[in-house]
PDB file of all heavy atoms in Angstrom:
ATOM      1  N   PHE A   1       1.802  -0.965   2.559  1.00  0.00           N
ATOM      2  CA  PHE A   1       2.119  -1.232   3.959  1.00  0.00           C
ATOM      3  C   PHE A   1       2.334   0.112   4.678  1.00  0.00           C
ATOM      4  O   PHE A   1       1.790   0.371   5.826  1.00  0.00           O
ATOM      5  CB  PHE A   1       3.390  -2.139   4.097  1.00  0.00           C
ATOM      6  CG  PHE A   1       3.927  -2.168   5.478  1.00  0.00           C
ATOM      7  CD1 PHE A   1       3.516  -3.124   6.374  1.00  0.00           C
ATOM      8  CD2 PHE A   1       4.954  -1.339   5.885  1.00  0.00           C
ATOM      9  CE1 PHE A   1       4.076  -3.172   7.655  1.00  0.00           C
ATOM     10  CE2 PHE A   1       5.480  -1.371   7.116  1.00  0.00           C
ATOM     11  CZ  PHE A   1       5.028  -2.348   8.102  1.00  0.00           C
ATOM     12  N   SER A   2       3.175   0.978   4.095  1.00  0.00           N
ATOM     13  CA  SER A   2       3.558   2.211   4.700  1.00  0.00           C
ATOM     14  C   SER A   2       2.368   3.130   4.802  1.00  0.00           C
ATOM     15  O   SER A   2       2.133   3.809   5.867  1.00  0.00           O
ATOM     16  CB  SER A   2       4.642   2.903   3.893  1.00  0.00           C
ATOM     17  OG  SER A   2       5.796   2.058   3.789  1.00  0.00           O
ATOM     18  N   LEU A   3       1.524   3.274   3.771  1.00  0.00           N
ATOM     19  CA  LEU A   3       0.296   4.062   3.765  1.00  0.00           C
ATOM     20  C   LEU A   3      -0.725   3.631   4.816  1.00  0.00           C
ATOM     21  O   LEU A   3      -1.199   4.381   5.604  1.00  0.00           O
ATOM     22  CB  LEU A   3      -0.288   4.187   2.363  1.00  0.00           C
ATOM     23  CG  LEU A   3       0.458   5.043   1.330  1.00  0.00           C
ATOM     24  CD1 LEU A   3      -0.210   5.006  -0.016  1.00  0.00           C
ATOM     25  CD2 LEU A   3       0.700   6.499   1.843  1.00  0.00           C
ATOM     26  N   ARG A   4      -0.946   2.344   4.821  1.00  0.00           N
ATOM     27  CA  ARG A   4      -1.929   1.727   5.807  1.00  0.00           C
ATOM     28  C   ARG A   4      -1.364   2.009   7.271  1.00  0.00           C
ATOM     29  O   ARG A   4      -2.206   2.257   8.082  1.00  0.00           O
ATOM     30  CB  ARG A   4      -2.123   0.245   5.519  1.00  0.00           C
ATOM     31  CG  ARG A   4      -2.833  -0.037   4.200  1.00  0.00           C
ATOM     32  CD  ARG A   4      -2.744  -1.439   3.772  1.00  0.00           C
ATOM     33  NE  ARG A   4      -3.358  -1.775   2.546  1.00  0.00           N
ATOM     34  CZ  ARG A   4      -3.111  -2.777   1.741  1.00  0.00           C
ATOM     35  NH1 ARG A   4      -2.194  -3.633   2.072  1.00  0.00           N
ATOM     36  NH2 ARG A   4      -3.846  -2.947   0.588  1.00  0.00           N
ATOM     37  N   ARG A   5      -0.103   1.842   7.460  1.00  0.00           N
ATOM     38  CA  ARG A   5       0.472   2.095   8.795  1.00  0.00           C
ATOM     39  C   ARG A   5       0.239   3.506   9.189  1.00  0.00           C
ATOM     40  O   ARG A   5      -0.133   3.759  10.315  1.00  0.00           O
ATOM     41  CB  ARG A   5       2.012   1.661   8.785  1.00  0.00           C
ATOM     42  CG  ARG A   5       2.620   1.895  10.120  1.00  0.00           C
ATOM     43  CD  ARG A   5       4.170   1.571   9.925  1.00  0.00           C
ATOM     44  NE  ARG A   5       4.819   1.694  11.247  1.00  0.00           N
ATOM     45  CZ  ARG A   5       5.431   2.717  11.619  1.00  0.00           C
ATOM     46  NH1 ARG A   5       5.420   3.919  10.814  1.00  0.00           N
ATOM     47  NH2 ARG A   5       6.093   2.798  12.832  1.00  0.00           N
ATOM     48  N   PHE A   6       0.469   4.446   8.266  1.00  0.00           N
ATOM     49  CA  PHE A   6       0.246   5.842   8.566  1.00  0.00           C
ATOM     50  C   PHE A   6      -1.209   6.057   8.870  1.00  0.00           C
ATOM     51  O   PHE A   6      -1.562   6.800   9.869  1.00  0.00           O
ATOM     52  CB  PHE A   6       0.664   6.710   7.473  1.00  0.00           C
ATOM     53  CG  PHE A   6       0.619   8.234   7.796  1.00  0.00           C
ATOM     54  CD1 PHE A   6       1.698   8.865   8.374  1.00  0.00           C
ATOM     55  CD2 PHE A   6      -0.500   8.955   7.543  1.00  0.00           C
ATOM     56  CE1 PHE A   6       1.629  10.216   8.711  1.00  0.00           C
ATOM     57  CE2 PHE A   6      -0.685  10.213   7.912  1.00  0.00           C
ATOM     58  CZ  PHE A   6       0.449  10.910   8.482  1.00  0.00           C
ATOM     59  N   LEU A   7      -2.071   5.552   8.131  1.00  0.00           N
ATOM     60  CA  LEU A   7      -3.512   5.729   8.336  1.00  0.00           C
ATOM     61  C   LEU A   7      -3.919   5.137   9.639  1.00  0.00           C
ATOM     62  O   LEU A   7      -4.860   5.715  10.302  1.00  0.00           O
ATOM     63  CB  LEU A   7      -4.364   5.094   7.135  1.00  0.00           C
ATOM     64  CG  LEU A   7      -4.185   5.745   5.805  1.00  0.00           C
ATOM     65  CD1 LEU A   7      -4.880   4.972   4.768  1.00  0.00           C
ATOM     66  CD2 LEU A   7      -4.702   7.214   5.822  1.00  0.00           C
ATOM     67  N   GLU A   8      -3.317   4.108  10.130  1.00  0.00           N
ATOM     68  CA  GLU A   8      -3.669   3.432  11.348  1.00  0.00           C
ATOM     69  C   GLU A   8      -3.130   4.124  12.550  1.00  0.00           C
ATOM     70  O   GLU A   8      -3.858   4.270  13.593  1.00  0.00           O
ATOM     71  CB  GLU A   8      -3.175   1.943  11.320  1.00  0.00           C
ATOM     72  CG  GLU A   8      -3.521   1.180  12.524  1.00  0.00           C
ATOM     73  CD  GLU A   8      -4.951   0.921  12.724  1.00  0.00           C
ATOM     74  OE1 GLU A   8      -5.684   0.833  11.658  1.00  0.00           O
ATOM     75  OE2 GLU A   8      -5.381   0.658  13.856  1.00  0.00           O
ATOM     76  N   ILE A   9      -1.876   4.540  12.494  1.00  0.00           N
ATOM     77  CA  ILE A   9      -1.238   5.034  13.743  1.00  0.00           C
ATOM     78  C   ILE A   9      -0.805   6.468  13.725  1.00  0.00           C
ATOM     79  O   ILE A   9      -0.367   7.007  14.699  1.00  0.00           O
ATOM     80  CB  ILE A   9      -0.021   4.130  14.255  1.00  0.00           C
ATOM     81  CG1 ILE A   9       1.155   4.315  13.215  1.00  0.00           C
ATOM     82  CG2 ILE A   9      -0.454   2.682  14.287  1.00  0.00           C
ATOM     83  CD1 ILE A   9       2.376   3.671  13.713  1.00  0.00           C
ATOM     84  N   GLY A  10      -0.880   7.140  12.506  1.00  0.00           N
ATOM     85  CA  GLY A  10      -0.330   8.463  12.407  1.00  0.00           C
ATOM     86  C   GLY A  10      -0.980   9.425  13.326  1.00  0.00           C
ATOM     87  O   GLY A  10      -2.221   9.436  13.440  1.00  0.00           O
ATOM     88  N   THR A  11      -0.176  10.253  14.039  1.00  0.00           N
ATOM     89  CA  THR A  11      -0.684  11.248  14.928  1.00  0.00           C
ATOM     90  C   THR A  11      -1.095  12.486  14.309  1.00  0.00           C
ATOM     91  O   THR A  11      -1.682  13.324  14.881  1.00  0.00           O
ATOM     92  CB  THR A  11       0.299  11.429  16.050  1.00  0.00           C
ATOM     93  OG1 THR A  11       1.531  12.020  15.439  1.00  0.00           O
ATOM     94  CG2 THR A  11       0.673  10.258  16.838  1.00  0.00           C
ATOM     95  N   LEU A  12      -0.722  12.648  13.001  1.00  0.00           N
ATOM     96  CA  LEU A  12      -0.966  13.900  12.256  1.00  0.00           C
ATOM     97  C   LEU A  12      -2.172  13.676  11.438  1.00  0.00           C
ATOM     98  O   LEU A  12      -2.097  13.628  10.172  1.00  0.00           O
ATOM     99  CB  LEU A  12       0.309  14.249  11.489  1.00  0.00           C
ATOM    100  CG  LEU A  12       1.579  14.198  12.200  1.00  0.00           C
ATOM    101  CD1 LEU A  12       2.751  14.506  11.270  1.00  0.00           C
ATOM    102  CD2 LEU A  12       1.571  15.265  13.357  1.00  0.00           C
ATOM    103  N   SER A  13      -3.320  13.664  12.044  1.00  0.00           N
ATOM    104  CA  SER A  13      -4.563  13.324  11.243  1.00  0.00           C
ATOM    105  C   SER A  13      -4.903  14.322  10.169  1.00  0.00           C
ATOM    106  O   SER A  13      -5.427  14.044   9.118  1.00  0.00           O
ATOM    107  CB  SER A  13      -5.756  13.305  12.209  1.00  0.00           C
ATOM    108  OG  SER A  13      -5.938  14.512  12.899  1.00  0.00           O
ATOM    109  N   TYR A  14      -4.344  15.561  10.260  1.00  0.00           N
ATOM    110  CA  TYR A  14      -4.680  16.589   9.329  1.00  0.00           C
ATOM    111  C   TYR A  14      -3.899  16.383   8.002  1.00  0.00           C
ATOM    112  O   TYR A  14      -4.328  16.872   6.954  1.00  0.00           O
ATOM    113  CB  TYR A  14      -4.226  17.982   9.918  1.00  0.00           C
ATOM    114  CG  TYR A  14      -2.889  18.089  10.357  1.00  0.00           C
ATOM    115  CD1 TYR A  14      -1.802  18.252   9.465  1.00  0.00           C
ATOM    116  CD2 TYR A  14      -2.536  18.075  11.687  1.00  0.00           C
ATOM    117  CE1 TYR A  14      -0.536  18.338   9.913  1.00  0.00           C
ATOM    118  CE2 TYR A  14      -1.297  18.055  12.157  1.00  0.00           C
ATOM    119  CZ  TYR A  14      -0.246  18.267  11.270  1.00  0.00           C
ATOM    120  OH  TYR A  14       1.049  18.270  11.697  1.00  0.00           O
ATOM    121  N   VAL A  15      -2.824  15.496   8.065  1.00  0.00           N
ATOM    122  CA  VAL A  15      -2.077  15.312   6.840  1.00  0.00           C
ATOM    123  C   VAL A  15      -2.916  14.706   5.750  1.00  0.00           C
ATOM    124  O   VAL A  15      -3.073  15.091   4.592  1.00  0.00           O
ATOM    125  CB  VAL A  15      -0.862  14.415   7.107  1.00  0.00           C
ATOM    126  CG1 VAL A  15      -0.132  14.060   5.789  1.00  0.00           C
ATOM    127  CG2 VAL A  15       0.111  15.184   8.047  1.00  0.00           C
ATOM    128  N   VAL A  16      -3.633  13.602   6.118  1.00  0.00           N
ATOM    129  CA  VAL A  16      -4.517  12.932   5.127  1.00  0.00           C
ATOM    130  C   VAL A  16      -5.947  13.401   5.182  1.00  0.00           C
ATOM    131  O   VAL A  16      -6.624  13.500   4.202  1.00  0.00           O
ATOM    132  CB  VAL A  16      -4.440  11.361   5.374  1.00  0.00           C
ATOM    133  CG1 VAL A  16      -5.509  10.624   4.561  1.00  0.00           C
ATOM    134  CG2 VAL A  16      -3.077  10.800   5.129  1.00  0.00           C
ATOM    135  N   GLY A  17      -6.405  13.893   6.432  1.00  0.00           N
ATOM    136  CA  GLY A  17      -7.668  14.468   6.517  1.00  0.00           C
ATOM    137  C   GLY A  17      -8.832  13.547   6.104  1.00  0.00           C
ATOM    138  O   GLY A  17      -9.825  14.109   5.652  1.00  0.00           O
ATOM    139  N   GLY A  18      -8.663  12.276   6.294  1.00  0.00           N
ATOM    140  CA  GLY A  18      -9.686  11.383   5.979  1.00  0.00           C
ATOM    141  C   GLY A  18     -10.058  11.118   4.542  1.00  0.00           C
ATOM    142  O   GLY A  18     -11.081  10.529   4.095  1.00  0.00           O
ATOM    143  N   ARG A  19      -9.121  11.634   3.654  1.00  0.00           N
ATOM    144  CA  ARG A  19      -9.423  11.545   2.195  1.00  0.00           C
ATOM    145  C   ARG A  19      -9.224  10.066   1.632  1.00  0.00           C
ATOM    146  O   ARG A  19      -9.882   9.671   0.695  1.00  0.00           O
ATOM    147  CB  ARG A  19      -8.533  12.505   1.437  1.00  0.00           C
ATOM    148  CG  ARG A  19      -9.031  13.958   1.457  1.00  0.00           C
ATOM    149  CD  ARG A  19      -8.068  14.976   0.951  1.00  0.00           C
ATOM    150  NE  ARG A  19      -6.948  15.099   1.901  1.00  0.00           N
ATOM    151  CZ  ARG A  19      -5.902  15.974   1.692  1.00  0.00           C
ATOM    152  NH1 ARG A  19      -5.791  16.491   0.471  1.00  0.00           N
ATOM    153  NH2 ARG A  19      -4.974  16.098   2.573  1.00  0.00           N
ATOM    154  N   ILE A  20      -8.233   9.346   2.144  1.00  0.00           N
ATOM    155  CA  ILE A  20      -7.935   8.075   1.686  1.00  0.00           C
ATOM    156  C   ILE A  20      -8.725   6.992   2.454  1.00  0.00           C
ATOM    157  O   ILE A  20      -8.476   6.935   3.699  1.00  0.00           O
ATOM    158  CB  ILE A  20      -6.447   7.816   1.730  1.00  0.00           C
ATOM    159  CG1 ILE A  20      -5.640   8.746   0.862  1.00  0.00           C
ATOM    160  CG2 ILE A  20      -6.163   6.364   1.256  1.00  0.00           C
ATOM    161  CD1 ILE A  20      -4.129   8.656   1.071  1.00  0.00           C
ATOM    162  N   SER A  21      -9.678   6.341   1.821  1.00  0.00           N
ATOM    163  CA  SER A  21     -10.527   5.340   2.576  1.00  0.00           C
ATOM    164  C   SER A  21      -9.893   3.900   2.498  1.00  0.00           C
ATOM    165  O   SER A  21     -10.039   3.147   3.506  1.00  0.00           O
ATOM    166  CB  SER A  21     -11.931   5.336   1.945  1.00  0.00           C
ATOM    167  OG  SER A  21     -11.872   5.010   0.551  1.00  0.00           O
ATOM    168  N   SER A  22      -9.141   3.642   1.486  1.00  0.00           N
ATOM    169  CA  SER A  22      -8.468   2.317   1.440  1.00  0.00           C
ATOM    170  C   SER A  22      -7.345   2.376   0.343  1.00  0.00           C
ATOM    171  O   SER A  22      -7.302   3.228  -0.546  1.00  0.00           O
ATOM    172  CB  SER A  22      -9.467   1.227   1.107  1.00  0.00           C
ATOM    173  OG  SER A  22     -10.004   1.342  -0.248  1.00  0.00           O
ATOM    174  N   VAL A  23      -6.439   1.401   0.465  1.00  0.00           N
ATOM    175  CA  VAL A  23      -5.208   1.275  -0.372  1.00  0.00           C
ATOM    176  C   VAL A  23      -5.243  -0.055  -1.015  1.00  0.00           C
ATOM    177  O   VAL A  23      -5.328  -1.062  -0.332  1.00  0.00           O
ATOM    178  CB  VAL A  23      -3.994   1.604   0.370  1.00  0.00           C
ATOM    179  CG1 VAL A  23      -2.764   1.455  -0.579  1.00  0.00           C
ATOM    180  CG2 VAL A  23      -4.022   2.879   1.148  1.00  0.00           C
ATOM    181  N   GLU A  24      -5.192  -0.106  -2.292  1.00  0.00           N
ATOM    182  CA  GLU A  24      -5.223  -1.401  -3.013  1.00  0.00           C
ATOM    183  C   GLU A  24      -3.920  -1.571  -3.846  1.00  0.00           C
ATOM    184  O   GLU A  24      -3.386  -0.612  -4.436  1.00  0.00           O
ATOM    185  CB  GLU A  24      -6.433  -1.409  -4.016  1.00  0.00           C
ATOM    186  CG  GLU A  24      -6.480  -2.612  -4.951  1.00  0.00           C
ATOM    187  CD  GLU A  24      -7.516  -2.441  -6.056  1.00  0.00           C
ATOM    188  OE1 GLU A  24      -8.273  -1.518  -5.965  1.00  0.00           O
ATOM    189  OE2 GLU A  24      -7.472  -3.316  -6.937  1.00  0.00           O
ATOM    190  N   VAL A  25      -3.402  -2.838  -3.825  1.00  0.00           N
ATOM    191  CA  VAL A  25      -2.266  -3.234  -4.658  1.00  0.00           C
ATOM    192  C   VAL A  25      -2.806  -3.849  -5.976  1.00  0.00           C
ATOM    193  O   VAL A  25      -3.355  -5.016  -5.960  1.00  0.00           O
ATOM    194  CB  VAL A  25      -1.390  -4.204  -3.943  1.00  0.00           C
ATOM    195  CG1 VAL A  25      -0.295  -4.636  -4.839  1.00  0.00           C
ATOM    196  CG2 VAL A  25      -0.813  -3.550  -2.590  1.00  0.00           C
ATOM    197  N   ALA A  26      -2.772  -3.080  -7.027  1.00  0.00           N
ATOM    198  CA  ALA A  26      -3.327  -3.525  -8.300  1.00  0.00           C
ATOM    199  C   ALA A  26      -2.326  -4.418  -9.097  1.00  0.00           C
ATOM    200  O   ALA A  26      -2.773  -5.281  -9.808  1.00  0.00           O
ATOM    201  CB  ALA A  26      -3.745  -2.385  -9.150  1.00  0.00           C
ATOM    202  N   ALA A  27      -1.033  -4.123  -8.866  1.00  0.00           N
ATOM    203  CA  ALA A  27       0.003  -4.938  -9.514  1.00  0.00           C
ATOM    204  C   ALA A  27       1.254  -4.643  -8.760  1.00  0.00           C
ATOM    205  O   ALA A  27       1.334  -3.794  -7.851  1.00  0.00           O
ATOM    206  CB  ALA A  27       0.189  -4.572 -10.994  1.00  0.00           C
ATOM    207  N   VAL A  28       2.313  -5.376  -9.000  1.00  0.00           N
ATOM    208  CA  VAL A  28       3.576  -5.105  -8.269  1.00  0.00           C
ATOM    209  C   VAL A  28       4.074  -3.761  -8.413  1.00  0.00           C
ATOM    210  O   VAL A  28       4.707  -3.250  -7.526  1.00  0.00           O
ATOM    211  CB  VAL A  28       4.682  -6.157  -8.728  1.00  0.00           C
ATOM    212  CG1 VAL A  28       5.084  -5.870 -10.212  1.00  0.00           C
ATOM    213  CG2 VAL A  28       5.847  -6.162  -7.810  1.00  0.00           C
ATOM    214  N   ASP A  29       3.696  -3.131  -9.459  1.00  0.00           N
ATOM    215  CA  ASP A  29       4.195  -1.743  -9.723  1.00  0.00           C
ATOM    216  C   ASP A  29       3.020  -0.716  -9.881  1.00  0.00           C
ATOM    217  O   ASP A  29       3.159   0.314 -10.566  1.00  0.00           O
ATOM    218  CB  ASP A  29       5.116  -1.638 -10.932  1.00  0.00           C
ATOM    219  CG  ASP A  29       4.390  -2.092 -12.222  1.00  0.00           C
ATOM    220  OD1 ASP A  29       3.254  -2.627 -12.153  1.00  0.00           O
ATOM    221  OD2 ASP A  29       4.972  -1.938 -13.278  1.00  0.00           O
ATOM    222  N   ARG A  30       1.881  -1.068  -9.304  1.00  0.00           N
ATOM    223  CA  ARG A  30       0.700  -0.207  -9.480  1.00  0.00           C
ATOM    224  C   ARG A  30      -0.101  -0.055  -8.147  1.00  0.00           C
ATOM    225  O   ARG A  30      -0.559  -1.084  -7.645  1.00  0.00           O
ATOM    226  CB  ARG A  30      -0.117  -0.700 -10.612  1.00  0.00           C
ATOM    227  CG  ARG A  30      -1.230   0.363 -11.035  1.00  0.00           C
ATOM    228  CD  ARG A  30      -1.734  -0.028 -12.427  1.00  0.00           C
ATOM    229  NE  ARG A  30      -0.673   0.073 -13.445  1.00  0.00           N
ATOM    230  CZ  ARG A  30      -0.507   1.125 -14.259  1.00  0.00           C
ATOM    231  NH1 ARG A  30      -1.375   2.159 -14.137  1.00  0.00           N
ATOM    232  NH2 ARG A  30       0.452   1.175 -15.093  1.00  0.00           N
ATOM    233  N   LEU A  31      -0.158   1.034  -7.649  1.00  0.00           N
ATOM    234  CA  LEU A  31      -1.013   1.344  -6.419  1.00  0.00           C
ATOM    235  C   LEU A  31      -2.214   2.135  -6.692  1.00  0.00           C
ATOM    236  O   LEU A  31      -2.225   2.979  -7.519  1.00  0.00           O
ATOM    237  CB  LEU A  31      -0.092   2.110  -5.416  1.00  0.00           C
ATOM    238  CG  LEU A  31      -0.562   2.199  -4.041  1.00  0.00           C
ATOM    239  CD1 LEU A  31      -0.351   0.953  -3.229  1.00  0.00           C
ATOM    240  CD2 LEU A  31       0.122   3.390  -3.316  1.00  0.00           C
ATOM    241  N   VAL A  32      -3.284   1.718  -6.053  1.00  0.00           N
ATOM    242  CA  VAL A  32      -4.631   2.381  -6.236  1.00  0.00           C
ATOM    243  C   VAL A  32      -5.092   2.927  -4.930  1.00  0.00           C
ATOM    244  O   VAL A  32      -5.250   2.141  -3.953  1.00  0.00           O
ATOM    245  CB  VAL A  32      -5.658   1.493  -6.837  1.00  0.00           C
ATOM    246  CG1 VAL A  32      -6.998   2.230  -7.027  1.00  0.00           C
ATOM    247  CG2 VAL A  32      -5.214   0.921  -8.215  1.00  0.00           C
ATOM    248  N   LEU A  33      -5.413   4.254  -4.916  1.00  0.00           N
ATOM    249  CA  LEU A  33      -5.925   4.818  -3.628  1.00  0.00           C
ATOM    250  C   LEU A  33      -7.393   5.077  -3.948  1.00  0.00           C
ATOM    251  O   LEU A  33      -7.837   5.741  -4.871  1.00  0.00           O
ATOM    252  CB  LEU A  33      -5.299   6.197  -3.394  1.00  0.00           C
ATOM    253  CG  LEU A  33      -3.738   6.245  -3.274  1.00  0.00           C
ATOM    254  CD1 LEU A  33      -3.291   7.577  -2.960  1.00  0.00           C
ATOM    255  CD2 LEU A  33      -3.255   5.199  -2.173  1.00  0.00           C
ATOM    256  N   HIS A  34      -8.248   4.537  -2.982  1.00  0.00           N
ATOM    257  CA  HIS A  34      -9.731   4.764  -3.030  1.00  0.00           C
ATOM    258  C   HIS A  34      -9.989   5.885  -2.070  1.00  0.00           C
ATOM    259  O   HIS A  34      -9.633   5.813  -0.852  1.00  0.00           O
ATOM    260  CB  HIS A  34     -10.508   3.504  -2.672  1.00  0.00           C
ATOM    261  CG  HIS A  34     -10.240   2.386  -3.690  1.00  0.00           C
ATOM    262  ND1 HIS A  34     -10.859   2.296  -4.919  1.00  0.00           N
ATOM    263  CD2 HIS A  34      -9.390   1.338  -3.645  1.00  0.00           C
ATOM    264  CE1 HIS A  34     -10.466   1.232  -5.529  1.00  0.00           C
ATOM    265  NE2 HIS A  34      -9.531   0.602  -4.761  1.00  0.00           N
ATOM    266  N   LEU A  35     -10.614   6.998  -2.574  1.00  0.00           N
ATOM    267  CA  LEU A  35     -10.805   8.221  -1.751  1.00  0.00           C
ATOM    268  C   LEU A  35     -12.235   8.195  -1.201  1.00  0.00           C
ATOM    269  O   LEU A  35     -13.194   7.553  -1.721  1.00  0.00           O
ATOM    270  CB  LEU A  35     -10.587   9.442  -2.622  1.00  0.00           C
ATOM    271  CG  LEU A  35      -9.311   9.532  -3.334  1.00  0.00           C
ATOM    272  CD1 LEU A  35      -9.129  10.831  -3.999  1.00  0.00           C
ATOM    273  CD2 LEU A  35      -8.104   9.253  -2.425  1.00  0.00           C
ATOM    274  N   SER A  36     -12.393   8.869  -0.084  1.00  0.00           N
ATOM    275  CA  SER A  36     -13.692   9.100   0.499  1.00  0.00           C
ATOM    276  C   SER A  36     -14.396  10.262  -0.162  1.00  0.00           C
ATOM    277  O   SER A  36     -15.647  10.362  -0.050  1.00  0.00           O
ATOM    278  CB  SER A  36     -13.581   9.420   1.977  1.00  0.00           C
ATOM    279  OG  SER A  36     -12.741  10.511   2.213  1.00  0.00           O
ATOM    280  N   ARG A  37     -13.659  11.086  -0.822  1.00  0.00           N
ATOM    281  CA  ARG A  37     -14.258  12.209  -1.570  1.00  0.00           C
ATOM    282  C   ARG A  37     -13.257  12.658  -2.609  1.00  0.00           C
ATOM    283  O   ARG A  37     -12.016  12.489  -2.482  1.00  0.00           O
ATOM    284  CB  ARG A  37     -14.584  13.383  -0.646  1.00  0.00           C
ATOM    285  CG  ARG A  37     -13.422  13.866   0.176  1.00  0.00           C
ATOM    286  CD  ARG A  37     -13.833  15.121   1.032  1.00  0.00           C
ATOM    287  NE  ARG A  37     -12.757  15.334   2.028  1.00  0.00           N
ATOM    288  CZ  ARG A  37     -11.691  16.227   1.684  1.00  0.00           C
ATOM    289  NH1 ARG A  37     -11.492  16.625   0.478  1.00  0.00           N
ATOM    290  NH2 ARG A  37     -10.804  16.451   2.623  1.00  0.00           N
ATOM    291  N   PRO A  38     -13.630  13.320  -3.718  1.00  0.00           N
ATOM    292  CA  PRO A  38     -12.659  13.904  -4.584  1.00  0.00           C
ATOM    293  C   PRO A  38     -11.779  14.986  -3.927  1.00  0.00           C
ATOM    294  O   PRO A  38     -12.270  15.682  -3.025  1.00  0.00           O
ATOM    295  CB  PRO A  38     -13.516  14.540  -5.716  1.00  0.00           C
ATOM    296  CG  PRO A  38     -14.860  13.817  -5.593  1.00  0.00           C
ATOM    297  CD  PRO A  38     -15.083  13.524  -4.104  1.00  0.00           C
ATOM    298  N   SER A  39     -10.559  14.949  -4.300  1.00  0.00           N
ATOM    299  CA  SER A  39      -9.607  15.925  -3.609  1.00  0.00           C
ATOM    300  C   SER A  39      -8.638  16.524  -4.604  1.00  0.00           C
ATOM    301  O   SER A  39      -7.753  15.893  -5.132  1.00  0.00           O
ATOM    302  CB  SER A  39      -8.864  15.174  -2.482  1.00  0.00           C
ATOM    303  OG  SER A  39      -7.912  16.033  -1.860  1.00  0.00           O
TER     304      SER A  39
END
């Protein structure tokens, strides 16, 4: 929720720089970041 919110409304675009394309909840205790490029 927090990462998606930042990607949606964050004014500091340089922080993420377009690297995170999507965020997936794989389990209650496991988060998966899908990147637009290796970083």
